[in-house]
């Protein structure tokens, strides 16, 4: 090590200082962007949320078992990379 070289401690401190300065800049940019977005959002009129209609159990359509088996076999065939004719579903039962 020659006399003009910086010490190891100075190099470490400069590196850590640069990293923390960068992190502080990122935090400041995030706060500034948040303030800008709040200003932009504040200018728009707030849309009133519409109340959701209650779900009537009688209004839910009955599931056609043939269609259900077709959909399940198509999904399984797609995942396995096979044709739908190569898959045989023996039974389907409701889990929950």
N, C-alpha and C. Protein backbone atom coordinates (compact mmCIF):
# COMPACT_ATOMS: atom_id res chain seq x y z
N UNK A 1 0.85 -1.16 0.00
CA UNK A 1 0.00 0.00 0.00
C UNK A 1 0.90 1.23 0.00
N UNK A 2 0.68 2.09 -0.99
CA UNK A 2 1.51 3.29 -1.07
C UNK A 2 0.91 4.39 -0.20
N UNK A 3 1.60 5.47 -0.08
CA UNK A 3 1.17 6.56 0.81
C UNK A 3 -0.04 7.31 0.27
N UNK A 4 -0.32 7.27 -1.04
CA UNK A 4 -1.45 8.00 -1.62
C UNK A 4 -2.75 7.23 -1.60
N UNK A 5 -2.70 5.95 -1.23
CA UNK A 5 -3.91 5.12 -1.21
C UNK A 5 -4.77 5.46 0.00
N UNK A 6 -6.10 5.49 -0.18
CA UNK A 6 -6.97 5.73 0.98
C UNK A 6 -6.98 4.51 1.89
N UNK A 7 -7.24 4.74 3.13
CA UNK A 7 -7.26 3.63 4.07
C UNK A 7 -8.50 2.77 3.83
N UNK A 8 -8.43 1.55 4.32
CA UNK A 8 -9.53 0.61 4.16
C UNK A 8 -10.79 1.11 4.84
N UNK A 9 -10.63 1.72 5.98
CA UNK A 9 -11.79 2.25 6.72
C UNK A 9 -12.49 3.35 5.96
N UNK A 10 -11.73 4.20 5.29
CA UNK A 10 -12.33 5.28 4.51
C UNK A 10 -13.12 4.73 3.33
N UNK A 11 -12.62 3.69 2.70
CA UNK A 11 -13.31 3.07 1.58
C UNK A 11 -14.63 2.46 2.05
N UNK A 12 -14.59 1.79 3.20
CA UNK A 12 -15.81 1.18 3.73
C UNK A 12 -16.83 2.25 4.10
N UNK A 13 -16.38 3.31 4.76
CA UNK A 13 -17.30 4.37 5.14
C UNK A 13 -17.90 5.07 3.93
N UNK A 14 -17.12 5.28 2.90
CA UNK A 14 -17.63 5.90 1.68
C UNK A 14 -18.67 5.00 1.00
N UNK A 15 -18.41 3.72 0.98
CA UNK A 15 -19.36 2.77 0.39
C UNK A 15 -20.66 2.75 1.15
N UNK A 16 -20.56 2.64 2.48
CA UNK A 16 -21.78 2.62 3.31
C UNK A 16 -22.53 3.95 3.20
N UNK A 17 -21.79 5.05 3.17
CA UNK A 17 -22.43 6.36 3.04
C UNK A 17 -23.17 6.49 1.72
N UNK A 18 -22.59 5.98 0.65
CA UNK A 18 -23.23 6.03 -0.66
C UNK A 18 -24.52 5.20 -0.67
N UNK A 19 -24.46 4.01 -0.09
CA UNK A 19 -25.64 3.14 -0.05
C UNK A 19 -26.76 3.80 0.76
N UNK A 20 -26.45 4.30 1.93
CA UNK A 20 -27.50 4.90 2.75
C UNK A 20 -28.03 6.19 2.13
N UNK A 21 -27.17 6.96 1.46
CA UNK A 21 -27.65 8.14 0.77
C UNK A 21 -28.62 7.75 -0.35
N UNK A 22 -28.31 6.70 -1.06
CA UNK A 22 -29.22 6.21 -2.11
C UNK A 22 -30.54 5.75 -1.54
N UNK A 23 -30.50 5.04 -0.42
CA UNK A 23 -31.74 4.57 0.21
C UNK A 23 -32.59 5.74 0.70
N UNK A 24 -31.94 6.75 1.26
CA UNK A 24 -32.68 7.93 1.72
C UNK A 24 -33.32 8.64 0.53
N UNK A 25 -32.62 8.70 -0.59
CA UNK A 25 -33.19 9.31 -1.80
C UNK A 25 -34.40 8.53 -2.29
N UNK A 26 -34.33 7.21 -2.26
CA UNK A 26 -35.47 6.38 -2.69
C UNK A 26 -36.67 6.62 -1.78
N UNK A 27 -36.46 6.72 -0.47
CA UNK A 27 -37.55 6.99 0.47
C UNK A 27 -38.16 8.35 0.19
N UNK A 28 -37.32 9.35 -0.07
CA UNK A 28 -37.83 10.70 -0.36
C UNK A 28 -38.65 10.70 -1.65
N UNK A 29 -38.19 9.98 -2.66
CA UNK A 29 -38.93 9.90 -3.92
C UNK A 29 -40.27 9.22 -3.71
N UNK A 30 -40.32 8.17 -2.89
CA UNK A 30 -41.58 7.47 -2.61
C UNK A 30 -42.56 8.39 -1.90
N UNK A 31 -42.10 9.16 -0.93
CA UNK A 31 -42.99 10.10 -0.24
C UNK A 31 -43.49 11.17 -1.21
N UNK A 32 -42.61 11.67 -2.07
CA UNK A 32 -43.02 12.69 -3.03
C UNK A 32 -44.05 12.14 -4.01
N UNK A 33 -43.84 10.94 -4.50
CA UNK A 33 -44.80 10.33 -5.42
C UNK A 33 -46.14 10.09 -4.74
N UNK A 34 -46.11 9.70 -3.47
CA UNK A 34 -47.36 9.52 -2.73
C UNK A 34 -48.12 10.82 -2.59
N UNK A 35 -47.40 11.92 -2.32
CA UNK A 35 -48.05 13.21 -2.19
C UNK A 35 -48.64 13.65 -3.53
N UNK A 36 -47.93 13.41 -4.62
CA UNK A 36 -48.43 13.76 -5.95
C UNK A 36 -49.68 12.95 -6.28
N UNK A 37 -49.67 11.68 -5.98
CA UNK A 37 -50.84 10.83 -6.27
C UNK A 37 -52.03 11.27 -5.43
N UNK A 38 -51.81 11.64 -4.16
CA UNK A 38 -52.92 12.13 -3.33
C UNK A 38 -53.50 13.41 -3.89
N UNK A 39 -52.65 14.30 -4.42
CA UNK A 39 -53.16 15.53 -5.03
C UNK A 39 -53.98 15.22 -6.28
N UNK A 40 -53.50 14.30 -7.09
CA UNK A 40 -54.23 13.94 -8.31
C UNK A 40 -55.55 13.25 -7.97
N UNK A 41 -55.52 12.33 -7.02
CA UNK A 41 -56.73 11.61 -6.62
C UNK A 41 -57.73 12.54 -5.94
N UNK A 42 -57.25 13.55 -5.26
CA UNK A 42 -58.14 14.48 -4.57
C UNK A 42 -58.95 15.33 -5.53
N UNK A 43 -58.44 15.55 -6.74
CA UNK A 43 -59.14 16.36 -7.72
C UNK A 43 -60.29 15.61 -8.38
N UNK A 44 -60.22 14.30 -8.43
CA UNK A 44 -61.27 13.50 -9.06
C UNK A 44 -62.45 13.37 -8.09
N UNK A 45 -63.67 13.44 -8.60
CA UNK A 45 -64.82 13.22 -7.71
C UNK A 45 -64.88 11.75 -7.30
N UNK A 46 -65.17 11.55 -6.04
CA UNK A 46 -65.22 10.19 -5.52
C UNK A 46 -66.52 9.53 -5.96
N UNK A 47 -66.40 8.35 -6.52
CA UNK A 47 -67.58 7.61 -6.94
C UNK A 47 -68.18 6.90 -5.73
N UNK A 48 -69.49 6.99 -5.62
CA UNK A 48 -70.15 6.33 -4.50
C UNK A 48 -70.21 4.83 -4.76
N UNK A 49 -69.80 4.05 -3.79
CA UNK A 49 -69.89 2.60 -3.98
C UNK A 49 -71.35 2.16 -3.92
N UNK A 50 -71.72 1.33 -4.85
CA UNK A 50 -73.08 0.82 -4.85
C UNK A 50 -73.16 -0.36 -3.90
N UNK A 51 -74.20 -0.42 -3.10
CA UNK A 51 -74.32 -1.55 -2.18
C UNK A 51 -74.57 -2.85 -2.96
N UNK A 52 -73.90 -3.88 -2.54
CA UNK A 52 -74.05 -5.16 -3.20
C UNK A 52 -75.37 -5.80 -2.80
N UNK A 53 -76.00 -6.39 -3.77
CA UNK A 53 -77.27 -7.06 -3.50
C UNK A 53 -76.98 -8.35 -2.75
N UNK A 54 -77.80 -8.68 -1.77
CA UNK A 54 -77.58 -9.93 -1.04
C UNK A 54 -77.80 -11.13 -1.96
N UNK A 55 -76.99 -12.15 -1.77
CA UNK A 55 -77.07 -13.34 -2.60
C UNK A 55 -78.19 -14.22 -2.07
N UNK A 56 -79.10 -14.53 -2.95
CA UNK A 56 -80.21 -15.40 -2.61
C UNK A 56 -79.82 -16.81 -3.01
N UNK A 57 -79.84 -17.73 -2.07
CA UNK A 57 -79.42 -19.10 -2.35
C UNK A 57 -80.32 -19.75 -3.39
N UNK A 58 -81.58 -19.38 -3.44
CA UNK A 58 -82.50 -19.97 -4.42
C UNK A 58 -82.20 -19.45 -5.82
N UNK A 59 -81.58 -18.28 -5.94
CA UNK A 59 -81.29 -17.69 -7.24
C UNK A 59 -80.05 -18.28 -7.90
N UNK A 60 -79.24 -19.03 -7.14
CA UNK A 60 -78.04 -19.64 -7.70
C UNK A 60 -78.48 -20.81 -8.59
N UNK A 61 -78.04 -20.81 -9.86
CA UNK A 61 -78.49 -21.87 -10.77
C UNK A 61 -77.92 -23.23 -10.38
N UNK A 62 -78.65 -24.26 -10.69
CA UNK A 62 -78.23 -25.63 -10.42
C UNK A 62 -77.12 -26.00 -11.40
N UNK A 63 -76.09 -26.64 -10.91
CA UNK A 63 -74.95 -27.01 -11.75
C UNK A 63 -75.28 -28.28 -12.51
N UNK A 64 -75.07 -28.23 -13.81
CA UNK A 64 -75.28 -29.41 -14.65
C UNK A 64 -74.06 -30.31 -14.49
N UNK A 65 -74.27 -31.53 -14.03
CA UNK A 65 -73.15 -32.43 -13.75
C UNK A 65 -72.38 -32.80 -15.02
N UNK A 66 -73.06 -32.89 -16.14
CA UNK A 66 -72.37 -33.19 -17.40
C UNK A 66 -71.41 -32.08 -17.79
N UNK A 67 -71.87 -30.84 -17.63
CA UNK A 67 -71.00 -29.70 -17.93
C UNK A 67 -69.83 -29.64 -16.96
N UNK A 68 -70.09 -29.93 -15.69
CA UNK A 68 -69.04 -29.91 -14.68
C UNK A 68 -67.96 -30.94 -15.00
N UNK A 69 -68.36 -32.15 -15.38
CA UNK A 69 -67.40 -33.19 -15.73
C UNK A 69 -66.61 -32.79 -16.97
N UNK A 70 -67.27 -32.15 -17.93
CA UNK A 70 -66.58 -31.71 -19.15
C UNK A 70 -65.53 -30.66 -18.82
N UNK A 71 -65.88 -29.73 -17.96
CA UNK A 71 -64.94 -28.67 -17.60
C UNK A 71 -63.76 -29.24 -16.82
N UNK A 72 -64.03 -30.10 -15.85
CA UNK A 72 -62.97 -30.69 -15.04
C UNK A 72 -62.04 -31.53 -15.91
N UNK A 73 -62.60 -32.33 -16.81
CA UNK A 73 -61.75 -33.16 -17.67
C UNK A 73 -60.92 -32.30 -18.63
N UNK A 74 -61.49 -31.18 -19.10
CA UNK A 74 -60.73 -30.29 -19.99
C UNK A 74 -59.56 -29.66 -19.25
N UNK A 75 -59.78 -29.25 -18.01
CA UNK A 75 -58.71 -28.64 -17.23
C UNK A 75 -57.61 -29.65 -16.92
N UNK A 76 -58.00 -30.85 -16.53
CA UNK A 76 -57.01 -31.88 -16.23
C UNK A 76 -56.23 -32.26 -17.48
N UNK A 77 -56.92 -32.37 -18.62
CA UNK A 77 -56.25 -32.70 -19.87
C UNK A 77 -55.25 -31.61 -20.26
N UNK A 78 -55.62 -30.36 -20.07
CA UNK A 78 -54.72 -29.26 -20.39
C UNK A 78 -53.47 -29.29 -19.50
N UNK A 79 -53.66 -29.55 -18.21
CA UNK A 79 -52.52 -29.58 -17.29
C UNK A 79 -51.60 -30.76 -17.57
N UNK A 80 -52.16 -31.90 -17.98
CA UNK A 80 -51.34 -33.07 -18.24
C UNK A 80 -50.78 -33.09 -19.65
N UNK A 81 -51.31 -32.23 -20.52
CA UNK A 81 -50.85 -32.22 -21.91
C UNK A 81 -51.40 -33.37 -22.71
N UNK A 82 -52.51 -33.93 -22.30
CA UNK A 82 -53.15 -35.05 -22.99
C UNK A 82 -54.41 -34.55 -23.69
N UNK A 83 -55.04 -35.42 -24.46
CA UNK A 83 -56.33 -35.06 -25.03
C UNK A 83 -57.42 -35.39 -24.01
N UNK A 84 -58.56 -34.74 -24.14
CA UNK A 84 -59.65 -34.95 -23.17
C UNK A 84 -60.20 -36.37 -23.26
N UNK A 85 -60.08 -37.01 -24.42
CA UNK A 85 -60.58 -38.39 -24.57
C UNK A 85 -59.73 -39.39 -23.79
N UNK A 86 -58.49 -39.04 -23.49
CA UNK A 86 -57.58 -39.95 -22.79
C UNK A 86 -57.82 -39.95 -21.28
N UNK A 87 -58.67 -39.06 -20.80
CA UNK A 87 -58.89 -38.96 -19.35
C UNK A 87 -60.25 -39.54 -19.02
N UNK A 88 -60.28 -40.33 -17.96
CA UNK A 88 -61.54 -40.93 -17.52
C UNK A 88 -61.77 -40.53 -16.07
N UNK A 89 -62.86 -39.82 -15.82
CA UNK A 89 -63.22 -39.39 -14.48
C UNK A 89 -64.23 -40.39 -13.93
N UNK A 90 -63.88 -41.02 -12.82
CA UNK A 90 -64.74 -42.04 -12.24
C UNK A 90 -65.81 -41.45 -11.33
N UNK A 91 -65.43 -40.45 -10.53
CA UNK A 91 -66.43 -39.84 -9.64
C UNK A 91 -66.00 -38.43 -9.27
N UNK A 92 -67.01 -37.62 -8.96
CA UNK A 92 -66.80 -36.26 -8.49
C UNK A 92 -67.66 -36.08 -7.27
N UNK A 93 -67.04 -35.58 -6.20
CA UNK A 93 -67.82 -35.30 -4.98
C UNK A 93 -67.46 -33.93 -4.46
N UNK A 94 -68.41 -33.29 -3.81
CA UNK A 94 -68.20 -31.97 -3.27
C UNK A 94 -67.38 -32.07 -1.99
N UNK A 95 -66.31 -31.29 -1.88
CA UNK A 95 -65.42 -31.37 -0.73
C UNK A 95 -65.98 -30.54 0.42
N UNK A 96 -66.40 -29.31 0.15
CA UNK A 96 -66.89 -28.49 1.26
C UNK A 96 -68.31 -28.08 1.08
